[in-house]
């Protein structure tokens, strides 16, 4: 029986413009564009968020996942690898992006934001407690009349 479940020859054919004309051009174009965007975004965000360690970690994880996934896809396009390698790279890369953004980092981001809120609260409470003491210390001494 020859049906869609028995198409191993599709997986073993080379990933090129002749065998996958509808998929080949978008894969290399999108991979190239997203690789450049990921590197530029990482450079911009790392300068902007240099004081926020958890956000930098998230940014770095996403950047290295982008570099790994998209450079592998570009390598597969250039060297005409079998589709057997291309499909799992796409699926694992997409799964890794989803895992990083929606499973691994949300608890870390929530804990970090809670810690920042606690620090802001204590800093405000400390400033409020010290405000009367500073107001008295700064007050000008009264002048005596002669």
N, C-alpha and C. Protein backbone atom coordinates (compact mmCIF):
# COMPACT_ATOMS: atom_id res chain seq x y z
N UNK A 1 0.84 -1.18 0.00
CA UNK A 1 0.00 0.00 0.00
C UNK A 1 0.88 1.23 0.00
N UNK A 2 0.59 2.08 -0.93
CA UNK A 2 1.38 3.29 -1.05
C UNK A 2 0.48 4.49 -0.74
N UNK A 3 0.61 5.02 0.46
CA UNK A 3 -0.20 6.15 0.88
C UNK A 3 0.67 7.21 1.52
N UNK A 4 0.04 8.21 2.09
CA UNK A 4 0.81 9.29 2.70
C UNK A 4 1.64 8.83 3.90
N UNK A 5 1.27 7.75 4.54
CA UNK A 5 2.01 7.24 5.69
C UNK A 5 3.26 6.47 5.27
N UNK A 6 3.37 6.17 3.99
CA UNK A 6 4.49 5.39 3.50
C UNK A 6 5.33 6.21 2.52
N UNK A 7 5.69 7.43 2.91
CA UNK A 7 6.43 8.32 2.03
C UNK A 7 7.81 8.63 2.60
N UNK A 8 8.56 7.59 2.96
CA UNK A 8 9.90 7.77 3.51
C UNK A 8 10.84 8.40 2.48
N UNK A 9 10.55 8.20 1.20
CA UNK A 9 11.43 8.76 0.17
C UNK A 9 11.39 10.29 0.17
N UNK A 10 10.29 10.90 0.66
CA UNK A 10 10.23 12.36 0.78
C UNK A 10 11.22 12.83 1.83
N UNK A 11 11.31 12.10 2.94
CA UNK A 11 12.24 12.49 4.00
C UNK A 11 13.69 12.29 3.58
N UNK A 12 13.93 11.35 2.69
CA UNK A 12 15.31 11.06 2.28
C UNK A 12 15.74 11.81 1.03
N UNK A 13 14.89 12.66 0.51
CA UNK A 13 15.27 13.46 -0.65
C UNK A 13 15.93 14.76 -0.18
N UNK A 14 16.80 15.27 -1.00
CA UNK A 14 17.56 16.48 -0.64
C UNK A 14 16.66 17.71 -0.57
N UNK A 15 16.98 18.58 0.37
CA UNK A 15 16.21 19.80 0.54
C UNK A 15 16.79 20.86 -0.38
N UNK A 16 16.19 20.98 -1.57
CA UNK A 16 16.65 21.97 -2.55
C UNK A 16 15.44 22.53 -3.27
N UNK A 17 15.69 23.46 -4.18
CA UNK A 17 14.62 24.15 -4.90
C UNK A 17 13.89 23.22 -5.85
N UNK A 18 14.53 22.16 -6.31
CA UNK A 18 13.89 21.22 -7.24
C UNK A 18 12.89 20.31 -6.56
N UNK A 19 13.23 19.81 -5.38
CA UNK A 19 12.34 18.86 -4.71
C UNK A 19 11.31 19.52 -3.81
N UNK A 20 11.63 20.67 -3.23
CA UNK A 20 10.70 21.39 -2.36
C UNK A 20 10.60 22.85 -2.79
N UNK A 21 10.00 23.10 -3.96
CA UNK A 21 10.00 24.47 -4.47
C UNK A 21 9.17 25.45 -3.63
N UNK A 22 8.11 24.97 -3.02
CA UNK A 22 7.27 25.87 -2.21
C UNK A 22 7.85 26.15 -0.83
N UNK A 23 8.73 25.31 -0.37
CA UNK A 23 9.27 25.44 0.99
C UNK A 23 10.69 25.98 1.02
N UNK A 24 11.46 25.72 -0.02
CA UNK A 24 12.88 26.04 0.00
C UNK A 24 13.15 27.54 0.09
N UNK A 25 12.56 28.36 -0.79
CA UNK A 25 12.79 29.80 -0.76
C UNK A 25 12.34 30.45 0.54
N UNK A 26 11.13 30.19 1.03
CA UNK A 26 10.73 30.82 2.30
C UNK A 26 11.62 30.41 3.48
N UNK A 27 12.08 29.16 3.48
CA UNK A 27 12.91 28.70 4.61
C UNK A 27 14.22 29.48 4.66
N UNK A 28 14.92 29.59 3.53
CA UNK A 28 16.21 30.28 3.62
C UNK A 28 16.04 31.78 3.79
N UNK A 29 15.00 32.37 3.19
CA UNK A 29 14.80 33.81 3.33
C UNK A 29 14.39 34.19 4.75
N UNK A 30 13.45 33.44 5.31
CA UNK A 30 13.00 33.73 6.67
C UNK A 30 14.09 33.42 7.67
N UNK A 31 14.84 32.33 7.46
CA UNK A 31 15.94 32.00 8.37
C UNK A 31 17.00 33.10 8.37
N UNK A 32 17.36 33.57 7.21
CA UNK A 32 18.36 34.63 7.11
C UNK A 32 17.88 35.92 7.78
N UNK A 33 16.64 36.30 7.48
CA UNK A 33 16.09 37.53 8.06
C UNK A 33 15.97 37.43 9.58
N UNK A 34 15.45 36.32 10.07
CA UNK A 34 15.27 36.17 11.53
C UNK A 34 16.61 36.04 12.26
N UNK A 35 17.61 35.48 11.61
CA UNK A 35 18.93 35.42 12.22
C UNK A 35 19.50 36.82 12.41
N UNK A 36 19.38 37.65 11.40
CA UNK A 36 19.86 39.04 11.51
C UNK A 36 19.05 39.82 12.53
N UNK A 37 17.73 39.66 12.51
CA UNK A 37 16.87 40.36 13.46
C UNK A 37 17.19 39.94 14.89
N UNK A 38 17.43 38.65 15.11
CA UNK A 38 17.73 38.16 16.46
C UNK A 38 19.02 38.76 17.00
N UNK A 39 20.04 38.83 16.16
CA UNK A 39 21.33 39.38 16.60
C UNK A 39 21.20 40.89 16.87
N UNK A 40 20.52 41.60 15.99
CA UNK A 40 20.32 43.04 16.21
C UNK A 40 19.47 43.30 17.45
N UNK A 41 18.42 42.53 17.62
CA UNK A 41 17.55 42.69 18.78
C UNK A 41 18.32 42.40 20.07
N UNK A 42 19.15 41.36 20.05
CA UNK A 42 19.94 41.03 21.23
C UNK A 42 20.90 42.18 21.58
N UNK A 43 21.57 42.73 20.59
CA UNK A 43 22.51 43.83 20.86
C UNK A 43 21.79 45.06 21.40
N UNK A 44 20.65 45.39 20.84
CA UNK A 44 19.88 46.54 21.31
C UNK A 44 19.36 46.30 22.73
N UNK A 45 18.77 45.15 22.96
CA UNK A 45 18.17 44.86 24.26
C UNK A 45 19.23 44.68 25.35
N UNK A 46 20.39 44.14 25.04
CA UNK A 46 21.41 43.95 26.07
C UNK A 46 21.94 45.28 26.57
N UNK A 47 21.99 46.27 25.72
CA UNK A 47 22.40 47.61 26.18
C UNK A 47 21.30 48.26 27.00
N UNK A 48 20.07 48.03 26.60
CA UNK A 48 18.93 48.66 27.27
C UNK A 48 18.62 48.02 28.62
N UNK A 49 18.79 46.72 28.74
CA UNK A 49 18.39 45.99 29.94
C UNK A 49 19.58 45.48 30.75
N UNK A 50 20.71 46.16 30.69
CA UNK A 50 21.91 45.63 31.34
C UNK A 50 21.77 45.53 32.86
N UNK A 51 20.82 46.21 33.48
CA UNK A 51 20.64 46.13 34.93
C UNK A 51 19.65 45.04 35.35
N UNK A 52 18.96 44.44 34.41
CA UNK A 52 17.92 43.46 34.72
C UNK A 52 18.38 42.08 34.28
N UNK A 53 18.94 41.33 35.20
CA UNK A 53 19.62 40.09 34.86
C UNK A 53 18.70 39.03 34.27
N UNK A 54 17.49 38.88 34.79
CA UNK A 54 16.60 37.83 34.29
C UNK A 54 16.16 38.13 32.86
N UNK A 55 15.90 39.39 32.56
CA UNK A 55 15.52 39.74 31.19
C UNK A 55 16.70 39.54 30.24
N UNK A 56 17.91 39.80 30.72
CA UNK A 56 19.09 39.54 29.89
C UNK A 56 19.25 38.04 29.63
N UNK A 57 18.98 37.22 30.65
CA UNK A 57 19.07 35.77 30.46
C UNK A 57 18.06 35.29 29.42
N UNK A 58 16.83 35.78 29.53
CA UNK A 58 15.80 35.42 28.55
C UNK A 58 16.22 35.84 27.15
N UNK A 59 16.74 37.04 27.04
CA UNK A 59 17.20 37.56 25.76
C UNK A 59 18.33 36.70 25.19
N UNK A 60 19.23 36.29 26.05
CA UNK A 60 20.36 35.48 25.59
C UNK A 60 19.91 34.09 25.16
N UNK A 61 19.02 33.48 25.92
CA UNK A 61 18.49 32.17 25.54
C UNK A 61 17.81 32.24 24.17
N UNK A 62 17.00 33.28 23.97
CA UNK A 62 16.31 33.42 22.69
C UNK A 62 17.30 33.67 21.55
N UNK A 63 18.34 34.47 21.82
CA UNK A 63 19.32 34.76 20.78
C UNK A 63 20.08 33.49 20.38
N UNK A 64 20.55 32.72 21.35
CA UNK A 64 21.32 31.52 21.01
C UNK A 64 20.45 30.45 20.37
N UNK A 65 19.20 30.37 20.76
CA UNK A 65 18.27 29.46 20.08
C UNK A 65 18.07 29.89 18.64
N UNK A 66 17.95 31.20 18.42
CA UNK A 66 17.81 31.72 17.06
C UNK A 66 19.05 31.43 16.23
N UNK A 67 20.20 31.68 16.80
CA UNK A 67 21.45 31.44 16.07
C UNK A 67 21.58 29.96 15.72
N UNK A 68 21.31 29.09 16.67
CA UNK A 68 21.42 27.66 16.41
C UNK A 68 20.43 27.17 15.36
N UNK A 69 19.17 27.49 15.55
CA UNK A 69 18.13 26.99 14.66
C UNK A 69 18.27 27.57 13.25
N UNK A 70 18.38 28.88 13.15
CA UNK A 70 18.37 29.50 11.83
C UNK A 70 19.67 29.27 11.07
N UNK A 71 20.80 29.18 11.77
CA UNK A 71 22.04 28.89 11.06
C UNK A 71 22.05 27.43 10.58
N UNK A 72 21.47 26.52 11.37
CA UNK A 72 21.36 25.13 10.89
C UNK A 72 20.48 25.06 9.65
N UNK A 73 19.36 25.78 9.66
CA UNK A 73 18.49 25.75 8.48
C UNK A 73 19.19 26.34 7.26
N UNK A 74 19.96 27.40 7.45
CA UNK A 74 20.72 27.96 6.33
C UNK A 74 21.78 26.98 5.83
N UNK A 75 22.41 26.27 6.76
CA UNK A 75 23.41 25.27 6.37
C UNK A 75 22.74 24.13 5.59
N UNK A 76 21.56 23.72 6.02
CA UNK A 76 20.84 22.66 5.30
C UNK A 76 20.49 23.11 3.88
N UNK A 77 20.13 24.38 3.72
CA UNK A 77 19.79 24.89 2.39
C UNK A 77 21.03 24.94 1.51
N UNK A 78 22.12 25.44 2.03
CA UNK A 78 23.34 25.60 1.23
C UNK A 78 23.92 24.25 0.83
N UNK A 79 23.94 23.29 1.74
CA UNK A 79 24.59 22.00 1.47
C UNK A 79 23.63 20.90 1.06
N UNK A 80 22.37 21.22 0.78
CA UNK A 80 21.41 20.28 0.22
C UNK A 80 21.25 19.02 1.10
N UNK A 81 21.02 19.23 2.40
CA UNK A 81 20.80 18.11 3.32
C UNK A 81 19.46 17.45 3.02
N UNK A 82 19.29 16.23 3.49
CA UNK A 82 18.01 15.55 3.36
C UNK A 82 16.96 16.25 4.21
N UNK A 83 15.71 16.14 3.77
CA UNK A 83 14.60 16.74 4.51
C UNK A 83 14.44 16.08 5.88
N UNK A 84 15.02 14.92 6.05
CA UNK A 84 15.03 14.20 7.32
C UNK A 84 15.68 15.04 8.43
N UNK A 85 16.61 15.92 8.09
CA UNK A 85 17.26 16.80 9.06
C UNK A 85 16.54 18.14 9.20
N UNK A 86 15.94 18.60 8.11
CA UNK A 86 15.31 19.92 8.09
C UNK A 86 14.06 19.95 8.95
N UNK A 87 13.19 18.98 8.78
CA UNK A 87 11.92 18.96 9.50
C UNK A 87 12.10 18.90 11.02
N UNK A 88 12.93 17.99 11.56
CA UNK A 88 13.12 17.99 13.02
C UNK A 88 13.76 19.28 13.54
N UNK A 89 14.64 19.89 12.76
CA UNK A 89 15.25 21.15 13.20
C UNK A 89 14.20 22.24 13.32
N UNK A 90 13.28 22.30 12.37
CA UNK A 90 12.20 23.27 12.44
C UNK A 90 11.31 23.02 13.65
N UNK A 91 10.93 21.77 13.85
CA UNK A 91 10.02 21.43 14.95
C UNK A 91 10.68 21.61 16.32
N UNK A 92 11.91 21.16 16.46
CA UNK A 92 12.61 21.29 17.74
C UNK A 92 12.92 22.75 18.03
N UNK A 93 13.30 23.52 17.00
CA UNK A 93 13.56 24.95 17.20
C UNK A 93 12.30 25.68 17.66
N UNK A 94 11.17 25.40 17.00
CA UNK A 94 9.91 26.04 17.39
C UNK A 94 9.52 25.62 18.81
N UNK A 95 9.68 24.35 19.12
CA UNK A 95 9.37 23.87 20.47
C UNK A 95 10.27 24.50 21.52
N UNK A 96 11.53 24.68 21.19
CA UNK A 96 12.45 25.30 22.13
C UNK A 96 12.11 26.77 22.37
N UNK A 97 11.74 27.48 21.31
CA UNK A 97 11.30 28.87 21.48
C UNK A 97 10.08 28.93 22.40
N UNK A 98 9.11 28.07 22.19
CA UNK A 98 7.90 28.06 23.01
C UNK A 98 8.23 27.71 24.45
N UNK A 99 9.09 26.71 24.65
CA UNK A 99 9.46 26.30 26.00
C UNK A 99 10.17 27.42 26.74
N UNK A 100 11.11 28.09 26.08
CA UNK A 100 11.86 29.18 26.72
C UNK A 100 10.92 30.30 27.12
N UNK A 101 10.08 30.74 26.20
CA UNK A 101 9.27 31.94 26.44
C UNK A 101 8.07 31.69 27.33
N UNK A 102 7.44 30.53 27.25
CA UNK A 102 6.18 30.32 27.94
C UNK A 102 6.23 29.32 29.10
N UNK A 103 7.32 28.57 29.24
CA UNK A 103 7.38 27.59 30.33
C UNK A 103 8.56 27.86 31.27
N UNK A 104 9.75 28.03 30.72
CA UNK A 104 10.95 28.17 31.56
C UNK A 104 11.05 29.53 32.24
N UNK A 105 10.84 30.61 31.50
CA UNK A 105 11.11 31.93 32.05
C UNK A 105 9.97 32.62 32.79
N UNK A 106 8.70 32.35 32.54
CA UNK A 106 7.66 33.07 33.28
C UNK A 106 7.76 32.98 34.81
N UNK A 107 8.07 31.82 35.42
CA UNK A 107 8.23 31.83 36.87
C UNK A 107 9.42 32.67 37.33
N UNK A 108 10.50 32.65 36.55
CA UNK A 108 11.67 33.45 36.91
C UNK A 108 11.38 34.94 36.78
N UNK A 109 10.64 35.32 35.75
CA UNK A 109 10.27 36.72 35.57
C UNK A 109 9.32 37.19 36.67
N UNK A 110 8.38 36.34 37.06
CA UNK A 110 7.45 36.71 38.13
C UNK A 110 8.20 36.89 39.46
N UNK A 111 9.11 35.99 39.77
CA UNK A 111 9.89 36.12 41.00
C UNK A 111 10.77 37.37 40.98
N UNK A 112 11.35 37.66 39.83
CA UNK A 112 12.20 38.84 39.71
C UNK A 112 11.39 40.13 39.86
N UNK A 113 10.21 40.18 39.25
CA UNK A 113 9.36 41.36 39.39
C UNK A 113 8.87 41.53 40.82
N UNK A 114 8.59 40.41 41.49
CA UNK A 114 8.19 40.48 42.90
C UNK A 114 9.33 41.02 43.76
N UNK A 115 10.55 40.57 43.48
CA UNK A 115 11.71 41.07 44.23
C UNK A 115 11.92 42.56 43.99
N UNK A 116 11.75 43.00 42.73
CA UNK A 116 11.88 44.43 42.45
C UNK A 116 10.80 45.24 43.15
N UNK A 117 9.58 44.72 43.18
CA UNK A 117 8.49 45.42 43.88
C UNK A 117 8.77 45.51 45.37
N UNK A 118 9.29 44.45 45.94
CA UNK A 118 9.64 44.46 47.37
C UNK A 118 10.74 45.47 47.64
N UNK A 119 11.75 45.52 46.77
CA UNK A 119 12.82 46.50 46.95
C UNK A 119 12.29 47.93 46.86
N UNK A 120 11.39 48.18 45.90
CA UNK A 120 10.81 49.51 45.78
C UNK A 120 9.98 49.88 47.00
N UNK A 121 9.24 48.90 47.53
CA UNK A 121 8.40 49.16 48.71
C UNK A 121 9.27 49.52 49.92
N UNK A 122 10.33 48.74 50.15
CA UNK A 122 11.18 49.02 51.30
C UNK A 122 11.96 50.32 51.12
N UNK A 123 12.34 50.63 49.90
CA UNK A 123 13.04 51.90 49.65
C UNK A 123 12.10 53.08 49.91
N UNK A 124 10.84 52.95 49.49
CA UNK A 124 9.85 54.00 49.76
C UNK A 124 9.56 54.12 51.25
N UNK A 125 9.43 52.99 51.93
CA UNK A 125 9.15 53.02 53.36
C UNK A 125 10.31 53.64 54.12
N UNK A 126 11.52 53.32 53.73
CA UNK A 126 12.70 53.88 54.38
C UNK A 126 12.78 55.39 54.12
N UNK A 127 12.52 55.81 52.89
CA UNK A 127 12.55 57.24 52.57
C UNK A 127 11.45 57.98 53.33
N UNK A 128 10.29 57.37 53.48
CA UNK A 128 9.18 58.00 54.19
C UNK A 128 9.50 58.11 55.69
N UNK A 129 10.16 57.11 56.24
CA UNK A 129 10.52 57.13 57.66
C UNK A 129 11.60 58.18 57.94
N UNK A 130 12.49 58.37 57.00
CA UNK A 130 13.58 59.33 57.20
C UNK A 130 13.18 60.76 56.84
N UNK A 131 12.06 60.96 56.20
CA UNK A 131 11.64 62.28 55.73
C UNK A 131 11.51 63.29 56.86
N UNK A 132 10.83 63.02 58.00
CA UNK A 132 10.74 64.02 59.07
C UNK A 132 12.10 64.36 59.67
N UNK A 133 12.97 63.37 59.80
CA UNK A 133 14.30 63.63 60.37
C UNK A 133 15.09 64.55 59.44
N UNK A 134 14.99 64.34 58.16
CA UNK A 134 15.70 65.21 57.22
C UNK A 134 15.09 66.60 57.20
N UNK A 135 13.79 66.67 57.32
CA UNK A 135 13.14 67.99 57.31
C UNK A 135 13.59 68.81 58.51
N UNK A 136 13.72 68.18 59.68
CA UNK A 136 14.19 68.90 60.86
C UNK A 136 15.66 69.28 60.73
N UNK A 137 16.45 68.42 60.15
CA UNK A 137 17.88 68.69 60.03
C UNK A 137 18.14 69.81 59.03
N UNK A 138 17.31 69.92 58.04
CA UNK A 138 17.53 70.92 57.00
C UNK A 138 16.95 72.28 57.40
N UNK A 139 16.03 72.29 58.34
CA UNK A 139 15.39 73.55 58.72
C UNK A 139 16.43 74.58 59.16
N UNK A 140 16.20 75.83 58.74
CA UNK A 140 17.14 76.90 59.08
C UNK A 140 16.93 77.31 60.53
N UNK A 141 18.01 77.62 61.19
CA UNK A 141 17.84 78.12 62.58
C UNK A 141 17.17 79.51 62.59
N UNK A 142 16.38 79.73 63.61
CA UNK A 142 15.68 81.00 63.71
C UNK A 142 16.69 82.10 64.05
N UNK A 143 16.44 83.27 63.52
CA UNK A 143 17.31 84.41 63.79
C UNK A 143 16.85 85.12 65.08
N UNK A 144 17.78 85.53 65.82
CA UNK A 144 17.47 86.32 67.01
C UNK A 144 17.35 87.78 66.66
N UNK A 145 16.43 88.43 67.30
CA UNK A 145 16.31 89.86 67.09
C UNK A 145 17.17 90.57 68.10
N UNK A 146 17.74 91.63 67.69
CA UNK A 146 18.56 92.41 68.60
C UNK A 146 17.85 93.58 69.13
